[in-house]
Protein backbone atom coordinates (compact mmCIF):
# COMPACT_ATOMS: atom_id res chain seq x y z
CA MET A 1 7.95 -15.67 22.28
CA LYS A 2 5.71 -14.15 24.95
CA LYS A 3 8.47 -14.56 27.55
CA ILE A 4 10.84 -12.18 25.80
CA LYS A 5 12.93 -10.11 28.19
CA ALA A 6 15.19 -8.25 25.76
CA VAL A 7 14.72 -6.84 22.26
CA ILE A 8 17.92 -6.32 20.30
CA PHE A 9 17.39 -3.89 17.43
CA ASP A 10 19.49 -3.12 14.40
CA TRP A 11 20.09 0.57 13.69
CA ALA A 12 19.93 1.92 10.10
CA GLY A 13 16.72 0.83 8.38
CA THR A 14 15.28 -0.60 11.59
CA THR A 15 15.23 2.15 14.21
CA VAL A 16 16.89 5.09 12.40
CA ASP A 17 17.44 6.19 8.78
CA PHE A 18 14.23 5.14 7.02
CA GLY A 19 15.21 3.01 4.03
CA CYS A 20 18.82 2.68 5.22
CA MET A 21 19.84 5.40 2.77
CA ALA A 22 23.19 6.56 4.20
CA PRO A 23 25.30 3.46 3.44
CA VAL A 24 23.57 2.98 0.08
CA GLN A 25 24.55 6.46 -0.99
CA ALA A 26 28.15 5.93 0.16
CA PHE A 27 28.50 2.54 -1.56
CA VAL A 28 27.19 3.93 -4.85
CA GLU A 29 29.52 6.94 -4.72
CA VAL A 30 32.67 4.95 -3.95
CA PHE A 31 32.13 2.47 -6.80
CA LYS A 32 31.33 5.36 -9.17
CA GLN A 33 34.64 6.91 -8.17
CA TYR A 34 36.27 3.81 -9.66
CA GLY A 35 34.19 4.07 -12.83
CA ILE A 36 31.67 1.35 -11.99
CA GLU A 37 28.00 2.10 -11.34
CA PRO A 38 26.37 -0.60 -9.19
CA THR A 39 22.67 -1.34 -9.39
CA MET A 40 20.45 -0.89 -6.35
CA GLU A 41 20.03 -4.66 -6.19
CA GLU A 42 23.80 -5.13 -6.07
CA VAL A 43 24.19 -2.50 -3.36
CA ARG A 44 21.28 -3.72 -1.25
CA LYS A 45 21.86 -7.48 -1.35
CA PRO A 46 24.72 -7.61 1.24
CA MET A 47 23.18 -4.95 3.51
CA GLY A 48 23.56 -5.57 7.23
CA MET A 49 27.02 -7.09 6.92
CA LEU A 50 30.24 -5.60 8.26
CA LYS A 51 30.95 -2.84 5.74
CA ILE A 52 34.30 -4.22 4.51
CA ASP A 53 32.59 -7.59 4.01
CA HIS A 54 29.86 -5.77 2.09
CA ILE A 55 32.47 -4.36 -0.30
CA ARG A 56 34.20 -7.73 -0.64
CA THR A 57 30.84 -9.29 -1.50
CA MET A 58 30.07 -6.65 -4.12
CA LEU A 59 33.47 -7.11 -5.76
CA LYS A 60 32.72 -10.83 -6.13
CA MET A 61 29.39 -10.21 -7.85
CA GLU A 62 29.68 -11.42 -11.43
CA ARG A 63 28.76 -8.19 -13.22
CA ILE A 64 30.88 -5.93 -11.00
CA HIS A 65 33.78 -8.42 -11.02
CA ASN A 66 33.74 -8.57 -14.82
CA LEU A 67 33.49 -4.79 -15.24
CA TRP A 68 36.37 -4.27 -12.83
CA THR A 69 38.57 -6.87 -14.56
CA GLU A 70 37.80 -5.36 -17.96
CA LYS A 71 38.51 -1.82 -16.80
CA TYR A 72 41.67 -2.43 -14.74
CA GLY A 73 43.11 -5.55 -16.38
CA LYS A 74 43.10 -7.63 -13.20
CA GLU A 75 40.63 -9.19 -10.84
CA PRO A 76 39.68 -7.18 -7.72
CA GLY A 77 41.09 -8.62 -4.52
CA GLU A 78 41.73 -7.64 -0.91
CA GLU A 79 43.92 -4.66 -1.83
CA GLU A 80 41.13 -3.20 -3.94
CA ALA A 81 38.53 -3.93 -1.25
CA GLN A 82 40.58 -2.09 1.37
CA ALA A 83 41.11 0.89 -0.94
CA LEU A 84 37.39 1.11 -1.63
CA TYR A 85 36.59 0.79 2.05
CA GLN A 86 38.83 3.67 3.06
CA ILE A 87 36.99 5.96 0.67
CA PHE A 88 33.61 4.53 1.69
CA GLU A 89 34.22 5.13 5.37
CA GLU A 90 35.12 8.78 4.90
CA LYS A 91 32.10 9.36 2.66
CA LEU A 92 29.78 7.69 5.16
CA LEU A 93 31.20 9.54 8.15
CA GLY A 94 30.55 12.78 6.30
CA ILE A 95 26.85 12.12 5.71
CA LEU A 96 25.84 10.12 8.81
CA PRO A 97 24.70 13.16 10.83
CA ASP A 98 21.98 13.70 8.22
CA TYR A 99 20.78 10.08 8.36
CA SER A 100 20.40 9.39 12.08
CA ASP A 101 16.79 10.42 12.72
CA PRO A 102 14.62 7.75 14.36
CA LYS A 103 12.03 6.18 12.09
CA PRO A 104 8.38 7.15 12.69
CA GLY A 105 7.04 5.66 15.90
CA VAL A 106 10.36 4.28 17.13
CA VAL A 107 10.89 6.60 20.09
CA GLU A 108 7.38 6.09 21.44
CA ALA A 109 7.38 2.31 20.91
CA VAL A 110 10.78 1.75 22.49
CA ASN A 111 9.91 3.93 25.47
CA ARG A 112 6.72 1.93 26.06
CA LEU A 113 8.61 -1.37 25.79
CA ARG A 114 11.15 -0.11 28.32
CA ARG A 115 8.43 1.07 30.72
CA ASN A 116 6.98 -2.43 30.52
CA GLY A 117 10.24 -4.01 31.63
CA PHE A 118 11.86 -4.93 28.32
CA ARG A 119 15.60 -4.38 28.02
CA ILE A 120 16.67 -2.72 24.79
CA GLY A 121 19.89 -3.78 23.09
CA SER A 122 21.30 -3.20 19.62
CA THR A 123 23.77 -4.44 17.04
CA THR A 124 24.97 -2.77 13.87
CA GLY A 125 26.96 -3.13 10.70
CA TYR A 126 28.56 0.25 11.43
CA ASN A 127 31.90 0.46 13.25
CA ASP A 128 32.58 2.41 16.43
CA ARG A 129 33.65 5.59 14.59
CA MET A 130 30.35 5.62 12.74
CA MET A 131 28.37 4.88 15.87
CA GLU A 132 30.04 7.78 17.68
CA ILE A 133 28.12 9.95 15.22
CA VAL A 134 24.85 8.01 15.01
CA VAL A 135 24.29 7.33 18.73
CA PRO A 136 24.37 10.94 20.02
CA ALA A 137 22.44 12.18 16.98
CA ALA A 138 19.67 9.64 17.65
CA ARG A 139 19.78 10.38 21.38
CA GLU A 140 19.06 14.04 20.68
CA LYS A 141 15.90 12.94 18.87
CA GLY A 142 14.82 10.67 21.75
CA TYR A 143 16.12 7.22 20.81
CA GLU A 144 18.78 5.45 22.85
CA PRO A 145 19.03 1.69 23.49
CA ASP A 146 20.43 0.47 26.79
CA VAL A 147 23.55 -0.89 25.05
CA TRP A 148 25.01 -1.16 21.56
CA PHE A 149 27.78 -3.25 20.07
CA SER A 150 29.49 -2.99 16.69
CA PRO A 151 31.78 -5.51 14.96
CA ASP A 152 34.68 -3.67 16.62
CA SER A 153 33.63 -5.37 19.85
CA THR A 154 33.76 -8.88 18.36
CA GLY A 155 37.08 -9.03 16.53
CA GLN A 156 35.45 -7.75 13.30
CA LYS A 157 33.13 -10.76 13.21
CA GLY A 158 29.96 -8.92 12.28
CA ARG A 159 26.79 -10.36 10.81
CA PRO A 160 25.89 -13.10 10.15
CA TYR A 161 28.12 -14.11 13.10
CA PRO A 162 26.11 -14.11 16.36
CA TYR A 163 28.68 -12.56 18.66
CA MET A 164 27.26 -9.03 18.88
CA ILE A 165 24.03 -10.55 20.16
CA PHE A 166 25.94 -12.49 22.81
CA ARG A 167 27.70 -9.27 23.92
CA ASN A 168 24.25 -7.70 24.31
CA MET A 169 23.01 -10.63 26.37
CA GLU A 170 26.04 -10.41 28.61
CA ALA A 171 25.63 -6.66 29.15
CA LEU A 172 21.87 -6.91 29.70
CA GLY A 173 22.15 -9.89 32.05
CA ILE A 174 20.06 -12.26 29.93
CA LYS A 175 20.88 -15.93 30.52
CA LYS A 176 18.66 -17.72 28.01
CA VAL A 177 18.60 -17.20 24.25
CA ASN A 178 14.87 -17.93 24.13
CA ARG A 179 14.27 -14.75 26.14
CA VAL A 180 15.76 -12.59 23.35
CA LEU A 181 14.19 -11.19 20.18
CA LYS A 182 16.54 -9.86 17.48
CA VAL A 183 14.87 -7.34 15.15
CA GLY A 184 16.36 -6.10 11.89
CA ASP A 185 15.68 -4.96 8.36
CA THR A 186 18.01 -7.19 6.31
CA VAL A 187 18.53 -10.87 5.59
CA SER A 188 21.86 -10.56 7.42
CA ASP A 189 19.96 -9.48 10.55
CA ILE A 190 17.74 -12.55 10.34
CA LYS A 191 20.75 -14.82 9.93
CA GLU A 192 22.50 -13.14 12.86
CA GLY A 193 19.54 -13.94 15.08
CA ARG A 194 19.21 -17.48 13.80
CA ASN A 195 22.91 -18.16 14.33
CA ALA A 196 22.64 -16.89 17.91
CA GLY A 197 19.68 -19.17 18.62
CA VAL A 198 17.44 -16.27 19.61
CA TRP A 199 14.06 -15.36 18.16
CA SER A 200 14.52 -13.45 14.92
CA ALA A 201 12.15 -10.91 13.35
CA GLY A 202 12.15 -8.58 10.37
CA ILE A 203 10.81 -5.03 10.15
CA VAL A 204 9.33 -4.34 6.72
CA VAL A 205 8.42 -0.65 6.30
CA GLY A 206 11.49 1.56 5.98
CA SER A 207 13.78 -1.45 5.67
CA SER A 208 16.86 -1.76 3.51
CA GLU A 209 15.25 -4.90 2.12
CA MET A 210 12.37 -2.78 0.78
CA GLY A 211 14.81 -0.09 -0.32
CA LEU A 212 12.61 3.02 -0.41
CA SER A 213 13.01 6.41 1.25
CA LEU A 214 10.15 7.76 3.36
CA ASP A 215 9.03 10.08 0.56
CA GLU A 216 9.15 7.26 -1.99
CA TYR A 217 7.15 4.96 0.25
CA GLU A 218 4.51 7.54 1.11
CA ALA A 219 4.05 8.34 -2.59
CA LEU A 220 2.90 4.77 -3.30
CA SER A 221 -0.73 3.76 -3.58
CA GLN A 222 -2.06 1.50 -0.84
CA GLU A 223 -2.10 -1.37 -3.33
CA GLU A 224 1.59 -0.81 -4.14
CA LYS A 225 2.47 -0.58 -0.44
CA ASP A 226 0.66 -3.84 0.27
CA ARG A 227 2.42 -5.63 -2.56
CA LEU A 228 5.90 -4.42 -1.59
CA CYS A 229 5.33 -5.18 2.08
CA LYS A 230 4.28 -8.73 1.28
CA GLU A 231 7.25 -9.28 -1.05
CA THR A 232 9.65 -7.98 1.61
CA ALA A 233 8.01 -10.03 4.36
CA ASP A 234 8.29 -13.15 2.19
CA ARG A 235 12.04 -12.62 1.81
CA PHE A 236 12.44 -12.40 5.59
CA ILE A 237 10.44 -15.60 6.05
CA GLU A 238 12.57 -17.35 3.41
CA ALA A 239 15.68 -16.25 5.34
CA GLY A 240 14.34 -17.96 8.47
CA ALA A 241 12.57 -15.18 10.37
CA ASP A 242 10.35 -16.43 13.18
CA LYS A 243 8.16 -13.38 12.87
CA VAL A 244 7.72 -10.41 10.53
CA PHE A 245 6.33 -7.04 11.57
CA TYR A 246 5.41 -4.33 9.09
CA THR A 247 6.23 -1.55 11.60
CA ILE A 248 7.72 -1.17 15.06
CA GLN A 249 4.21 -0.37 16.29
CA ASP A 250 3.17 -3.85 15.17
CA LEU A 251 6.10 -5.28 17.13
CA GLU A 252 5.12 -3.27 20.20
CA GLY A 253 1.51 -4.44 19.94
CA PHE A 254 2.61 -8.07 19.69
CA LEU A 255 4.90 -7.89 22.73
CA LEU A 256 2.54 -5.87 24.91
CA GLY A 257 -0.74 -7.35 23.69
């Protein structure tokens, strides 16, 4: 892994939006609008996927599926998924400007990686409309990867498909998959990297997998932080991660050390 030439980051939960709070809020609100209140576990489990796939996955979850069938007298299908997604997208677009700040240490770490010759790519579960909000908002705060690709660039084949990573490699001029490190904050990110054949790593603190806002995380005792970090790291390892870093500073230290 010491011969890495490019680092391909995820966005929300990895480099911006500590805790990946924007999509969580939107998913909760859209299901509530239909009279169903999802649990945090149900909302978080598919995180990292293409957002319409996320909704499809939630509708297939046993508890949500049963509640929907009981409430509406029929099983939820593609028509219902599309209706939910339309509402979700508008809700998310409305709140994204408030959830695009880089996570602590990201700007400094990425700038140092770039100064040391690393190319910086990115993939996302957001679509292009969403990224047209997130990218300039993050840029104003100092974070901008060299390239980014959404599922809109790959025929809507988002994570865990590997194609956004391949688009990054093409744009960055990287020939070999073993020169690439994919970094994300969800199991879907890990699977995306594994399916592409690149090195795959998870970021623990501020991740969707951990599921805490910055204030919630900072309010924990050190013992609680250590326990949650280990539990989150273990889930990344179980998903096939080659490496797990608690913070982006840890990642930077590993690559530059």
